[in-house]
Protein backbone atom coordinates (compact mmCIF):
# COMPACT_ATOMS: atom_id res chain seq x y z
CA UNK A 1 27.54 -6.37 0.32
CA UNK A 2 30.50 -4.46 1.67
CA UNK A 3 29.02 -1.13 0.58
CA UNK A 4 25.91 -1.62 2.70
CA UNK A 5 26.39 0.64 5.72
CA UNK A 6 23.98 1.57 8.49
CA UNK A 7 23.07 4.53 10.67
CA UNK A 8 20.37 3.25 13.01
CA UNK A 9 18.83 6.47 14.29
CA UNK A 10 15.64 4.81 15.55
CA UNK A 11 17.66 2.52 17.83
CA UNK A 12 20.15 5.19 18.81
CA UNK A 13 17.71 7.93 19.75
CA UNK A 14 14.66 6.15 21.16
CA UNK A 15 14.32 4.00 24.31
CA UNK A 16 14.63 0.22 24.05
CA UNK A 17 12.76 -2.52 25.85
CA UNK A 18 14.76 -3.31 28.98
CA UNK A 19 14.25 -7.06 28.47
CA UNK A 20 15.72 -9.08 25.64
CA UNK A 21 13.51 -12.06 26.33
CA UNK A 22 11.71 -13.08 23.16
CA UNK A 23 8.31 -14.05 24.49
CA UNK A 24 4.88 -12.43 24.08
CA UNK A 25 4.36 -9.71 26.68
CA UNK A 26 3.35 -6.12 27.26
CA UNK A 27 6.23 -3.75 26.60
CA UNK A 28 6.02 -0.34 28.26
CA UNK A 29 8.21 2.73 28.12
CA UNK A 30 9.96 1.57 24.94
CA UNK A 31 9.73 2.19 21.21
CA UNK A 32 11.11 -1.22 20.27
CA UNK A 33 12.52 -4.53 21.44
CA UNK A 34 15.79 -6.09 20.32
CA UNK A 35 15.14 -9.41 18.60
CA UNK A 36 17.05 -11.40 16.00
CA UNK A 37 15.36 -13.13 13.06
CA UNK A 38 14.82 -16.85 13.56
CA UNK A 39 16.92 -18.91 11.09
CA UNK A 40 15.18 -20.92 8.38
CA UNK A 41 16.01 -24.22 6.77
CA UNK A 42 17.09 -23.26 3.25
CA UNK A 43 16.89 -19.57 2.25
CA UNK A 44 16.69 -19.15 -1.53
CA UNK A 45 16.21 -15.92 -3.46
CA UNK A 46 13.11 -16.07 -5.66
CA UNK A 47 12.95 -12.48 -6.88
CA UNK A 48 14.31 -9.00 -6.24
CA UNK A 49 13.76 -5.44 -7.38
CA UNK A 50 16.77 -4.25 -9.41
CA UNK A 51 15.73 -0.63 -8.82
CA UNK A 52 15.69 -0.99 -5.03
CA UNK A 53 18.82 -3.13 -4.90
CA UNK A 54 20.97 -1.20 -7.34
CA UNK A 55 19.63 2.33 -7.71
CA UNK A 56 18.54 2.84 -4.10
CA UNK A 57 20.87 0.65 -2.03
CA UNK A 58 23.88 0.40 -4.34
CA UNK A 59 24.00 -3.40 -4.40
CA UNK A 60 25.42 -5.10 -7.48
CA UNK A 61 23.66 -7.96 -9.23
CA UNK A 62 26.54 -10.22 -8.18
CA UNK A 63 25.97 -9.29 -4.53
CA UNK A 64 22.25 -9.97 -4.85
CA UNK A 65 22.96 -13.37 -6.40
CA UNK A 66 25.39 -14.31 -3.63
CA UNK A 67 24.70 -16.80 -0.88
CA UNK A 68 25.26 -14.03 1.67
CA UNK A 69 22.29 -12.09 0.32
CA UNK A 70 19.84 -14.99 0.69
CA UNK A 71 21.21 -15.76 4.15
CA UNK A 72 20.83 -12.17 5.39
CA UNK A 73 17.47 -11.41 3.80
CA UNK A 74 16.08 -14.83 4.65
CA UNK A 75 16.87 -14.19 8.32
CA UNK A 76 19.81 -16.54 8.88
CA UNK A 77 22.57 -13.93 9.31
CA UNK A 78 22.87 -10.43 10.73
CA UNK A 79 25.16 -8.32 8.58
CA UNK A 80 27.67 -6.01 10.31
CA UNK A 81 26.03 -2.72 11.26
CA UNK A 82 22.54 -4.16 11.55
CA UNK A 83 20.69 -3.93 14.89
CA UNK A 84 17.49 -5.98 14.49
CA UNK A 85 14.44 -4.73 16.38
CA UNK A 86 10.66 -5.13 16.44
CA UNK A 87 8.70 -1.90 16.92
CA UNK A 88 6.15 -1.35 19.68
CA UNK A 89 2.85 0.27 18.72
CA UNK A 90 -0.91 -0.02 19.15
CA UNK A 91 -3.89 0.81 17.02
CA UNK A 92 -7.59 0.98 16.32
CA UNK A 93 -8.73 -2.12 14.44
CA UNK A 94 -12.06 -1.86 12.62
CA UNK A 95 -12.85 1.22 14.70
CA UNK A 96 -12.08 -0.29 18.12
CA UNK A 97 -9.03 0.28 20.28
CA UNK A 98 -6.94 -2.91 20.29
CA UNK A 99 -4.18 -1.93 22.71
CA UNK A 100 -0.62 -3.05 22.12
CA UNK A 101 0.00 -4.66 18.74
CA UNK A 102 3.57 -4.17 17.55
CA UNK A 103 5.66 -5.91 14.92
CA UNK A 104 4.40 -9.45 15.34
CA UNK A 105 6.06 -10.86 12.23
CA UNK A 106 8.26 -7.99 11.09
CA UNK A 107 11.85 -7.35 12.19
CA UNK A 108 13.72 -4.23 11.11
CA UNK A 109 17.36 -5.00 10.40
CA UNK A 110 18.56 -1.40 10.45
CA UNK A 111 18.63 1.87 8.54
CA UNK A 112 20.82 1.59 5.47
CA UNK A 113 22.47 4.66 3.97
CA UNK A 114 21.07 4.85 0.44
CA UNK A 115 22.79 6.09 -2.70
CA UNK A 116 20.78 9.34 -2.57
CA UNK A 117 21.90 10.05 0.98
CA UNK A 118 18.61 9.03 2.57
CA UNK A 119 18.09 6.51 5.36
CA UNK A 120 16.19 3.40 4.26
CA UNK A 121 14.91 1.00 6.88
CA UNK A 122 15.25 -2.64 5.83
CA UNK A 123 12.52 -4.75 7.37
CA UNK A 124 11.98 -8.50 7.09
CA UNK A 125 8.38 -9.68 7.12
CA UNK A 126 7.97 -13.32 8.11
CA UNK A 127 11.30 -13.60 9.94
CA UNK A 128 10.02 -15.28 13.09
CA UNK A 129 8.41 -14.47 16.43
CA UNK A 130 8.91 -11.26 18.40
CA UNK A 131 7.62 -10.08 21.79
CA UNK A 132 4.61 -8.74 19.86
CA UNK A 133 3.64 -11.99 18.13
CA UNK A 134 1.05 -12.89 20.77
CA UNK A 135 0.02 -16.47 19.90
CA UNK A 136 1.38 -16.39 16.34
CA UNK A 137 4.59 -17.82 14.88
CA UNK A 138 5.90 -14.65 13.22
CA UNK A 139 6.14 -16.36 9.84
CA UNK A 140 4.64 -15.56 6.43
CA UNK A 141 3.48 -17.86 3.66
CA UNK A 142 4.66 -17.69 0.07
CA UNK A 143 1.33 -16.46 -1.30
CA UNK A 144 1.11 -13.39 0.97
CA UNK A 145 4.80 -12.67 0.43
CA UNK A 146 4.42 -12.71 -3.37
CA UNK A 147 1.46 -10.36 -3.06
CA UNK A 148 3.40 -7.89 -0.93
CA UNK A 149 6.56 -8.04 -3.03
CA UNK A 150 4.79 -7.44 -6.33
CA UNK A 151 2.33 -4.82 -5.14
CA UNK A 152 4.97 -2.71 -3.40
CA UNK A 153 6.83 -2.30 -6.67
CA UNK A 154 3.70 -1.99 -8.82
CA UNK A 155 2.40 0.88 -6.70
CA UNK A 156 5.72 2.70 -6.93
CA UNK A 157 5.73 2.58 -10.72
CA UNK A 158 2.10 3.74 -10.79
CA UNK A 159 3.25 6.87 -8.98
CA UNK A 160 1.53 6.01 -5.70
CA UNK A 161 3.49 6.75 -2.48
CA UNK A 162 4.48 3.37 -1.06
CA UNK A 163 6.98 1.29 0.82
CA UNK A 164 9.23 -0.67 -1.53
CA UNK A 165 10.32 -4.30 -1.71
CA UNK A 166 13.93 -5.41 -2.04
CA UNK A 167 13.62 -9.19 -2.12
CA UNK A 168 11.48 -12.29 -1.90
CA UNK A 169 13.21 -15.26 -0.27
CA UNK A 170 11.83 -18.78 0.10
CA UNK A 171 12.61 -20.29 3.50
CA UNK A 172 12.48 -24.01 2.81
CA UNK A 173 10.10 -24.35 5.77
CA UNK A 174 6.38 -24.98 5.82
CA UNK A 175 4.00 -22.65 7.61
CA UNK A 176 0.54 -23.77 8.76
CA UNK A 177 -2.24 -21.29 7.95
CA UNK A 178 -6.03 -21.32 7.99
CA UNK A 179 -6.61 -18.95 5.07
CA UNK A 180 -10.25 -18.15 5.82
CA UNK A 181 -10.25 -19.00 9.53
CA UNK A 182 -12.81 -21.74 8.86
CA UNK A 183 -11.00 -24.73 10.38
CA UNK A 184 -9.26 -25.76 7.15
CA UNK A 185 -5.65 -25.14 8.10
CA UNK A 186 -2.91 -26.52 5.85
CA UNK A 187 0.84 -26.42 5.51
CA UNK A 188 2.13 -23.92 2.95
CA UNK A 189 5.61 -22.92 1.79
CA UNK A 190 7.10 -20.08 3.81
CA UNK A 191 8.83 -16.94 2.57
CA UNK A 192 10.33 -13.67 3.75
CA UNK A 193 9.96 -10.26 2.08
CA UNK A 194 12.40 -7.45 2.73
CA UNK A 195 10.43 -4.21 2.82
CA UNK A 196 12.16 -0.85 2.40
CA UNK A 197 11.06 2.62 3.52
CA UNK A 198 12.52 5.71 5.20
CA UNK A 199 10.53 4.62 8.24
CA UNK A 200 7.76 2.21 9.19
CA UNK A 201 6.31 4.48 11.89
CA UNK A 202 2.52 4.48 11.80
CA UNK A 203 -0.38 6.27 13.50
CA UNK A 204 -0.55 3.55 16.15
CA UNK A 205 3.05 4.28 17.16
CA UNK A 206 1.84 7.46 18.83
CA UNK A 207 -1.51 6.13 19.97
CA UNK A 208 -0.04 3.48 22.27
CA UNK A 209 2.00 5.71 24.63
CA UNK A 210 -0.85 8.23 24.64
CA UNK A 211 -3.30 5.51 25.70
CA UNK A 212 -0.96 4.60 28.57
CA UNK A 213 -0.43 8.18 29.70
CA UNK A 214 3.27 7.87 28.84
CA UNK A 215 3.87 11.48 27.83
CA UNK A 216 7.70 11.31 27.98
CA UNK A 217 7.79 8.48 25.39
CA UNK A 218 5.16 10.18 23.24
CA UNK A 219 7.16 13.41 23.21
CA UNK A 220 10.36 11.59 22.30
CA UNK A 221 8.60 9.80 19.45
CA UNK A 222 7.07 13.00 18.10
CA UNK A 223 10.30 14.97 18.31
CA UNK A 224 12.31 12.13 16.76
CA UNK A 225 9.81 12.08 13.90
CA UNK A 226 9.83 15.82 13.29
CA UNK A 227 13.61 16.12 13.56
CA UNK A 228 14.65 13.06 11.58
CA UNK A 229 11.83 12.35 9.13
CA UNK A 230 10.50 15.86 8.48
CA UNK A 231 13.74 17.90 8.45
CA UNK A 232 12.24 20.75 6.38
CA UNK A 233 10.00 21.86 9.24
CA UNK A 234 11.00 25.22 10.70
CA UNK A 235 10.37 27.23 13.86
CA UNK A 236 10.42 26.26 17.51
CA UNK A 237 9.44 22.85 18.81
CA UNK A 238 5.74 23.67 19.18
CA UNK A 239 5.55 25.13 15.68
CA UNK A 240 7.31 22.12 14.17
CA UNK A 241 4.91 19.75 15.93
CA UNK A 242 1.87 21.61 14.63
CA UNK A 243 3.25 21.84 11.10
CA UNK A 244 4.18 18.17 11.25
CA UNK A 245 0.62 17.08 12.00
CA UNK A 246 -0.67 19.25 9.15
CA UNK A 247 1.89 17.66 6.81
CA UNK A 248 0.86 14.16 7.88
CA UNK A 249 -2.73 15.12 7.06
CA UNK A 250 -1.70 16.54 3.70
CA UNK A 251 0.31 13.47 2.69
CA UNK A 252 -2.48 11.14 3.77
CA UNK A 253 -4.96 13.07 1.63
CA UNK A 254 -2.71 12.84 -1.42
CA UNK A 255 -2.32 9.10 -0.82
CA UNK A 256 -6.08 8.57 -0.69
CA UNK A 257 -6.55 10.48 -3.93
CA UNK A 258 -4.00 8.21 -5.61
CA UNK A 259 -5.66 5.06 -4.29
CA UNK A 260 -8.95 6.21 -5.77
CA UNK A 261 -7.26 7.15 -9.04
CA UNK A 262 -5.86 3.68 -9.72
CA UNK A 263 -8.65 1.63 -8.11
CA UNK A 264 -6.66 0.26 -5.18
CA UNK A 265 -8.39 -1.05 -2.06
CA UNK A 266 -6.15 -1.49 0.98
CA UNK A 267 -8.56 -3.84 2.74
CA UNK A 268 -7.53 -3.24 6.36
CA UNK A 269 -7.11 0.47 7.10
CA UNK A 270 -6.56 0.14 10.83
CA UNK A 271 -4.61 2.97 12.44
CA UNK A 272 -1.63 0.63 12.83
CA UNK A 273 -1.64 0.24 9.04
CA UNK A 274 -1.39 3.91 8.09
CA UNK A 275 2.09 5.32 7.63
CA UNK A 276 3.10 8.56 9.32
CA UNK A 277 4.95 9.36 6.07
CA UNK A 278 1.85 9.06 3.89
CA UNK A 279 3.01 5.83 2.25
CA UNK A 280 0.99 2.76 1.37
CA UNK A 281 2.06 0.30 4.05
CA UNK A 282 1.27 -3.27 5.09
CA UNK A 283 -0.02 -5.07 2.00
CA UNK A 284 -2.37 -7.69 3.38
CA UNK A 285 -5.85 -8.39 2.00
CA UNK A 286 -5.61 -5.65 -0.63
CA UNK A 287 -7.36 -5.75 -3.97
CA UNK A 288 -7.81 -3.95 -7.26
CA UNK A 289 -11.14 -2.81 -8.59
CA UNK A 290 -11.97 -4.80 -11.71
CA UNK A 291 -15.59 -3.79 -12.26
CA UNK A 292 -16.18 -0.37 -10.73
CA UNK A 293 -17.87 -0.90 -7.37
CA UNK A 294 -17.54 1.63 -4.55
CA UNK A 295 -18.86 -0.96 -2.06
CA UNK A 296 -16.28 -3.64 -2.81
CA UNK A 297 -13.77 -4.82 -0.24
CA UNK A 298 -11.38 -7.74 -0.71
CA UNK A 299 -11.18 -8.51 3.03
CA UNK A 300 -13.39 -11.39 4.17
CA UNK A 301 -13.05 -10.16 7.76
CA UNK A 302 -14.80 -6.96 6.65
CA UNK A 303 -17.47 -8.69 4.58
CA UNK A 304 -20.39 -7.70 6.83
CA UNK A 305 -19.79 -4.03 7.63
CA UNK A 306 -17.53 -3.20 4.65
CA UNK A 307 -15.90 -0.51 6.75
CA UNK A 308 -12.86 -0.43 4.47
CA UNK A 309 -14.66 -0.63 1.13
CA UNK A 310 -13.28 1.19 -1.91
CA UNK A 311 -15.48 4.28 -1.77
CA UNK A 312 -15.11 4.67 2.01
CA UNK A 313 -11.32 4.90 2.10
CA UNK A 314 -11.02 8.72 2.13
CA UNK A 315 -13.50 8.96 5.02
CA UNK A 316 -11.70 6.22 6.97
CA UNK A 317 -8.39 8.03 6.55
CA UNK A 318 -9.98 11.14 8.08
CA UNK A 319 -11.31 9.02 10.97
CA UNK A 320 -7.83 7.61 11.52
CA UNK A 321 -6.28 11.07 11.48
CA UNK A 322 -8.78 12.16 14.10
CA UNK A 323 -7.70 9.18 16.24
CA UNK A 324 -4.10 10.34 15.80
CA UNK A 325 -5.13 13.87 16.78
CA UNK A 326 -6.68 12.55 19.98
CA UNK A 327 -3.39 10.83 20.80
CA UNK A 328 -1.57 14.14 20.33
CA UNK A 329 -4.02 16.40 22.15
CA UNK A 330 -1.72 16.86 25.17
CA UNK A 331 1.19 17.96 22.95
CA UNK A 332 -0.48 20.14 20.32
CA UNK A 333 -3.03 22.92 20.76
CA UNK A 334 -6.60 22.08 19.77
CA UNK A 335 -6.66 24.67 16.99
CA UNK A 336 -3.54 23.13 15.41
CA UNK A 337 -5.14 19.70 15.42
CA UNK A 338 -8.41 20.97 13.94
CA UNK A 339 -6.47 22.99 11.39
CA UNK A 340 -4.52 19.89 10.38
CA UNK A 341 -7.70 17.87 9.95
CA UNK A 342 -9.07 20.64 7.74
CA UNK A 343 -5.88 20.45 5.70
CA UNK A 344 -6.78 16.83 5.02
CA UNK A 345 -10.29 17.74 3.83
CA UNK A 346 -9.12 20.61 1.63
CA UNK A 347 -6.16 18.72 0.20
CA UNK A 348 -8.18 15.62 -0.64
CA UNK A 349 -10.94 17.61 -2.30
CA UNK A 350 -8.45 19.55 -4.41
CA UNK A 351 -6.32 16.50 -5.25
CA UNK A 352 -9.33 14.36 -6.10
CA UNK A 353 -10.74 17.10 -8.34
CA UNK A 354 -7.43 17.38 -10.19
CA UNK A 355 -7.20 13.63 -10.56
CA UNK A 356 -10.76 13.25 -11.84
CA UNK A 357 -10.13 16.06 -14.32
CA UNK A 358 -6.97 14.31 -15.50
CA UNK A 359 -8.75 10.95 -15.77
CA UNK A 360 -11.35 12.61 -18.00
CA UNK A 361 -8.85 14.71 -19.94
CA UNK A 362 -10.22 18.01 -18.70
CA UNK A 363 -8.10 21.00 -17.76
CA UNK A 364 -9.94 21.29 -14.46
CA UNK A 365 -13.06 19.89 -12.84
CA UNK A 366 -15.29 22.85 -12.09
CA UNK A 367 -18.67 22.74 -10.39
CA UNK A 368 -20.70 22.36 -13.64
CA UNK A 369 -18.83 19.11 -14.28
CA UNK A 370 -19.74 17.59 -10.90
CA UNK A 371 -23.03 16.21 -12.16
CA UNK A 372 -21.27 14.79 -15.21
CA UNK A 373 -18.80 12.95 -12.98
CA UNK A 374 -21.48 11.62 -10.63
CA UNK A 375 -23.48 10.35 -13.59
CA UNK A 376 -20.38 8.54 -14.82
CA UNK A 377 -19.83 6.80 -11.45
CA UNK A 378 -23.45 5.66 -11.52
CA UNK A 379 -23.13 4.35 -15.07
CA UNK A 380 -19.93 2.46 -14.27
CA UNK A 381 -21.27 0.86 -11.10
CA UNK A 382 -24.68 -0.04 -12.52
CA UNK A 383 -23.18 -1.41 -15.74
CA UNK A 384 -20.46 -3.57 -14.15
CA UNK A 385 -17.78 -1.81 -16.16
CA UNK A 386 -14.06 -2.50 -15.89
CA UNK A 387 -12.62 0.68 -14.39
CA UNK A 388 -9.09 0.42 -15.80
CA UNK A 389 -10.12 -0.55 -19.32
CA UNK A 390 -12.90 2.04 -19.45
CA UNK A 391 -10.71 5.08 -18.86
CA UNK A 392 -8.05 3.92 -21.32
CA UNK A 393 -10.76 3.28 -23.94
CA UNK A 394 -12.41 6.63 -23.20
CA UNK A 395 -9.16 8.39 -24.09
CA UNK A 396 -9.43 6.95 -27.62
CA UNK A 397 -13.04 8.09 -28.15
CA UNK A 398 -13.37 10.88 -30.71
CA UNK A 399 -15.26 13.77 -29.03
CA UNK A 400 -16.46 14.94 -32.45
CA UNK A 401 -18.48 11.74 -32.89
CA UNK A 402 -18.47 9.77 -29.62
CA UNK A 403 -19.41 6.15 -30.22
CA UNK A 404 -20.57 4.11 -27.20
CA UNK A 405 -19.72 0.89 -29.07
CA UNK A 406 -16.04 1.79 -28.61
CA UNK A 407 -16.55 1.05 -24.89
CA UNK A 408 -18.46 -2.19 -25.29
CA UNK A 409 -15.53 -4.45 -24.40
CA UNK A 410 -15.21 -2.71 -21.03
CA UNK A 411 -18.50 -4.25 -19.84
CA UNK A 412 -18.37 -7.61 -18.10
CA UNK A 413 -21.83 -8.64 -19.33
CA UNK A 414 -22.68 -7.79 -22.93
CA UNK A 415 -26.41 -7.82 -22.24
CA UNK A 416 -25.84 -5.11 -19.68
CA UNK A 417 -24.06 -2.97 -22.26
CA UNK A 418 -26.99 -3.32 -24.61
CA UNK A 419 -29.38 -2.26 -21.86
CA UNK A 420 -27.16 0.67 -20.82
CA UNK A 421 -26.08 1.80 -24.29
CA UNK A 422 -28.49 4.70 -24.66
CA UNK A 423 -27.60 6.11 -21.26
CA UNK A 424 -23.91 5.80 -22.07
CA UNK A 425 -24.43 7.51 -25.43
CA UNK A 426 -26.22 10.41 -23.74
CA UNK A 427 -23.41 10.75 -21.22
CA UNK A 428 -20.78 10.71 -23.97
CA UNK A 429 -22.58 13.58 -25.73
CA UNK A 430 -22.51 15.65 -22.53
CA UNK A 431 -18.90 14.70 -21.96
CA UNK A 432 -17.92 15.80 -25.48
CA UNK A 433 -19.70 19.11 -24.91
CA UNK A 434 -17.83 19.63 -21.64
CA UNK A 435 -14.52 19.04 -23.39
CA UNK A 436 -15.25 21.90 -25.74
CA UNK A 437 -12.34 22.70 -28.02
CA UNK A 438 -9.66 20.85 -26.11
CA UNK A 439 -7.04 19.42 -28.44
CA UNK A 440 -7.66 15.68 -28.83
CA UNK A 441 -3.98 14.69 -28.74
CA UNK A 442 -3.23 16.60 -25.55
CA UNK A 443 -6.44 15.31 -23.98
CA UNK A 444 -5.51 11.72 -24.79
CA UNK A 445 -1.97 12.18 -23.44
CA UNK A 446 -3.31 13.74 -20.25
CA UNK A 447 -5.74 10.86 -19.74
CA UNK A 448 -3.21 8.14 -20.44
CA UNK A 449 -0.79 9.69 -17.96
CA UNK A 450 -3.45 9.54 -15.23
CA UNK A 451 -5.09 6.23 -16.15
CA UNK A 452 -2.84 3.15 -16.03
CA UNK A 453 -3.19 0.49 -18.67
CA UNK A 454 -1.74 -2.13 -16.34
CA UNK A 455 -2.69 -2.67 -12.71
CA UNK A 456 -1.76 -5.68 -10.62
CA UNK A 457 -5.11 -7.41 -10.82
CA UNK A 458 -5.82 -10.03 -8.18
CA UNK A 459 -6.18 -12.87 -10.65
CA UNK A 460 -2.75 -12.13 -12.15
CA UNK A 461 -1.11 -12.36 -8.75
CA UNK A 462 -3.03 -15.54 -7.96
CA UNK A 463 -1.71 -17.12 -11.17
CA UNK A 464 1.82 -16.16 -10.12
CA UNK A 465 1.22 -17.66 -6.67
CA UNK A 466 -0.03 -20.97 -8.05
CA UNK A 467 2.88 -21.24 -10.46
CA UNK A 468 5.38 -20.42 -7.70
CA UNK A 469 3.87 -23.05 -5.42
CA UNK A 470 4.34 -25.50 -8.30
CA UNK A 471 7.99 -24.50 -8.59
CA UNK A 472 8.11 -21.75 -11.26
CA UNK A 473 8.83 -18.08 -10.56
CA UNK A 474 8.59 -17.04 -14.22
CA UNK A 475 5.25 -15.26 -13.79
CA UNK A 476 6.57 -13.26 -10.82
CA UNK A 477 9.31 -11.90 -13.07
CA UNK A 478 6.87 -11.18 -15.88
CA UNK A 479 4.53 -9.23 -13.61
CA UNK A 480 7.43 -7.33 -12.07
CA UNK A 481 8.50 -6.32 -15.56
CA UNK A 482 4.97 -5.29 -16.56
CA UNK A 483 4.70 -3.26 -13.37
CA UNK A 484 7.62 -1.11 -14.46
CA UNK A 485 5.63 0.43 -17.35
CA UNK A 486 1.97 0.53 -16.35
CA UNK A 487 1.10 3.45 -18.66
CA UNK A 488 2.70 2.07 -21.84
CA UNK A 489 0.66 1.33 -24.95
CA UNK A 490 3.08 -1.23 -26.38
CA UNK A 491 2.17 -4.86 -27.10
CA UNK A 492 4.61 -6.29 -24.53
CA UNK A 493 2.16 -6.10 -21.62
CA UNK A 494 -1.10 -6.50 -23.56
CA UNK A 495 -1.80 -10.00 -22.21
CA UNK A 496 -1.81 -8.62 -18.66
CA UNK A 497 -4.20 -5.78 -19.54
CA UNK A 498 -7.39 -7.76 -19.87
CA UNK A 499 -10.66 -8.00 -17.99
CA UNK A 500 -10.87 -10.36 -15.05
CA UNK A 501 -11.74 -13.83 -16.45
CA UNK A 502 -14.97 -15.47 -15.33
CA UNK A 503 -13.13 -18.15 -13.35
CA UNK A 504 -11.67 -15.43 -11.09
CA UNK A 505 -15.00 -13.82 -10.19
CA UNK A 506 -15.41 -15.77 -6.93
CA UNK A 507 -12.09 -17.62 -6.69
CA UNK A 508 -10.21 -17.48 -3.39
CA UNK A 509 -7.24 -15.16 -3.74
CA UNK A 510 -8.94 -13.20 -6.53
CA UNK A 511 -12.14 -11.88 -5.00
CA UNK A 512 -11.86 -13.15 -1.43
CA UNK A 513 -8.85 -12.62 0.81
CA UNK A 514 -8.09 -12.60 4.49
CA UNK A 515 -5.43 -11.12 6.73
CA UNK A 516 -3.42 -14.32 6.22
CA UNK A 517 -3.62 -13.97 2.45
């Protein structure tokens, strides 16, 4: 890994914790604490992303297969140029201010210089305790690590802004976890994921110093962010700050539109889990919509209020941006903050309209089509219809003679299809009329470019987890390969493009997850 070089701007330009003692404590006046990963018993590479390793970081396959690689990305060695740190931040959790949080089980190794000239922060998740671990051990289990590794790459290939994943390393150590916090703790195999992104700064990074009245640190964080991570901003400092907030709002809106497009549910949209770069970050109790249900959330912690349910995600993102705005109110004028929040509203509405039009194969989604779209959402939710399969099947329907039976296999309960058939047929007639004279081939291509055939369904990942715990990583590799071509029609990924099986309807890890999942 001799070609892996580092330029650690975050460490160089922002203040460090004065203490190097690795114990849980409040850290003030600092953006991070120095802390080394805690060594593990037997680091062993289970999987890696060739695109991240080779195309982004310039690592050869021989380097990835080396013992050095597993040692470094399992947490047993610090490679020359790395300066490991854990970041200090706070956040609102489920709508309530939680104070200092910080990287409790994540340690950033440094900012690698990528092949495209960008800086890419390499961060180990599950590498041991930090000053922000509170009462936890800083470790991660294999099941949650597999979920994060696979989903990071799957989202990238779907075209959704996201952090990436370089590697998945087994530690050889057991980690004790109570998956549903119900008193049934058990020992599970441990693992470490190396996450990759230009930065892991999040909304809560700015909220914490603001909550403490630490304006000097807040200003340094904001100006570091605008100068280093948003270099295209122009004008004086005040103008760049205002334009930066508007850009954060814009990127967040685009991200939400993409989540809704592919049926992704983050599960825990706390302000410490939203990226300042508009990336999907922190893959915990996420889930994929099988049957279309705007009220569904995969997070058992959120089972009562469903604050972070599928259909609520765009509104929660706006709430989180408003919390960020409040943290910045001493640095930015009120009109700039309100203007930025309006950018979010306008951008999401426009992006969502474009995406819905693309999903339906329309050139644009004008007001007369709004009722048509709302009727479709009602039909899908009431009929327990598989969202992913439905839109791919809809692309194949002939508008000249739309046949509802062509969509029958998208329903989870056949009796429901029979009961809903007439309503679906009526909707298809109105849909065909709305399409007008659009060319069928171009419509189908437009739809299939917006509607993935493959998404990383929960039950698929759970199968990979169970096989890995039994000693086989074959399914991890198969799903990683399928993730690379989610819009393909070929037979190679057909077996992973099926409805959720009945056994997965209420199975732990498929329909029910927790923050330790």
